[in-house]
Amino acid sequence: MKATDIRTKSDDELKAQLLDLRKESFNLRFQAASGQIENTARKNLIRKDIARIKTILGERTSAAAS
């Protein structure tokens, strides 16, 4: 997911997507612990997408506060 794609979405959509990514991250951690994970790179992609969304949400809240 690219930052330009994230910036076009509303805050509610981003929060919903953040929740979905956190659930997926949780499931991937369990799969990794049990040795069932197939795509190990997916964990890093999810983690980076979560960081991108949180960064953009933080930028929006700080811009609104100014």
Protein backbone atom coordinates (compact mmCIF):
# COMPACT_ATOMS: atom_id res chain seq x y z
CA MET A 1 0.00 0.00 0.00
CA LYS A 2 1.33 3.42 -0.92
CA ALA A 3 1.04 6.61 1.08
CA THR A 4 -0.81 8.31 -1.78
CA ASP A 5 -3.49 5.62 -1.63
CA ILE A 6 -3.81 6.09 2.12
CA ARG A 7 -4.08 9.89 1.88
CA THR A 8 -7.13 9.64 -0.39
CA LYS A 9 -9.14 7.74 2.23
CA SER A 10 -11.19 9.28 5.01
CA ASP A 11 -10.32 8.97 8.69
CA ASP A 12 -13.07 6.42 9.29
CA GLU A 13 -11.87 4.24 6.43
CA LEU A 14 -8.31 4.42 7.73
CA LYS A 15 -9.35 3.46 11.24
CA ALA A 16 -11.31 0.49 9.90
CA GLN A 17 -8.36 -0.58 7.77
CA LEU A 18 -6.02 -0.18 10.74
CA LEU A 19 -8.22 -2.49 12.78
CA ASP A 20 -8.21 -5.09 9.99
CA LEU A 21 -4.43 -4.90 9.66
CA ARG A 22 -3.95 -5.33 13.39
CA LYS A 23 -6.17 -8.42 13.35
CA GLU A 24 -4.20 -9.83 10.44
CA SER A 25 -0.94 -9.10 12.24
CA PHE A 26 -2.23 -10.93 15.30
CA ASN A 27 -3.16 -13.97 13.20
CA LEU A 28 0.20 -13.96 11.44
CA ARG A 29 2.02 -13.93 14.77
CA PHE A 30 0.14 -17.05 15.83
CA GLN A 31 0.88 -18.75 12.51
CA ALA A 32 4.56 -17.91 12.85
CA ALA A 33 4.67 -19.27 16.39
CA SER A 34 3.08 -22.53 15.34
CA GLY A 35 5.19 -22.85 12.18
CA GLN A 36 2.25 -22.63 9.80
CA ILE A 37 3.09 -19.30 8.15
CA GLU A 38 3.65 -19.52 4.39
CA ASN A 39 4.61 -15.97 3.46
CA THR A 40 6.96 -14.64 6.11
CA ALA A 41 7.45 -11.32 4.31
CA ARG A 42 3.76 -10.55 4.82
CA LYS A 43 4.41 -9.81 8.51
CA ASN A 44 6.77 -6.97 7.62
CA LEU A 45 4.42 -5.55 4.99
CA ILE A 46 1.55 -5.48 7.47
CA ARG A 47 3.73 -3.80 10.08
CA LYS A 48 4.82 -1.11 7.63
CA ASP A 49 1.25 -0.50 6.43
CA ILE A 50 0.14 -0.03 10.04
CA ALA A 51 2.94 2.50 10.55
CA ARG A 52 1.96 4.39 7.38
CA ILE A 53 -1.67 4.63 8.43
CA LYS A 54 -0.79 5.75 11.96
CA THR A 55 1.60 8.38 10.59
CA ILE A 56 -0.99 9.86 8.25
CA LEU A 57 -3.66 9.84 10.95
CA GLY A 58 -1.22 11.63 13.25
CA GLU A 59 -0.44 14.22 10.59
CA ARG A 60 -4.12 14.91 10.12
CA THR A 61 -4.79 15.34 13.83
CA SER A 62 -1.81 17.67 14.28
CA ALA A 63 -2.88 19.70 11.24
CA ALA A 64 -6.40 19.97 12.63
CA ALA A 65 -5.06 21.11 16.00
CA SER A 66 -3.02 23.91 14.40
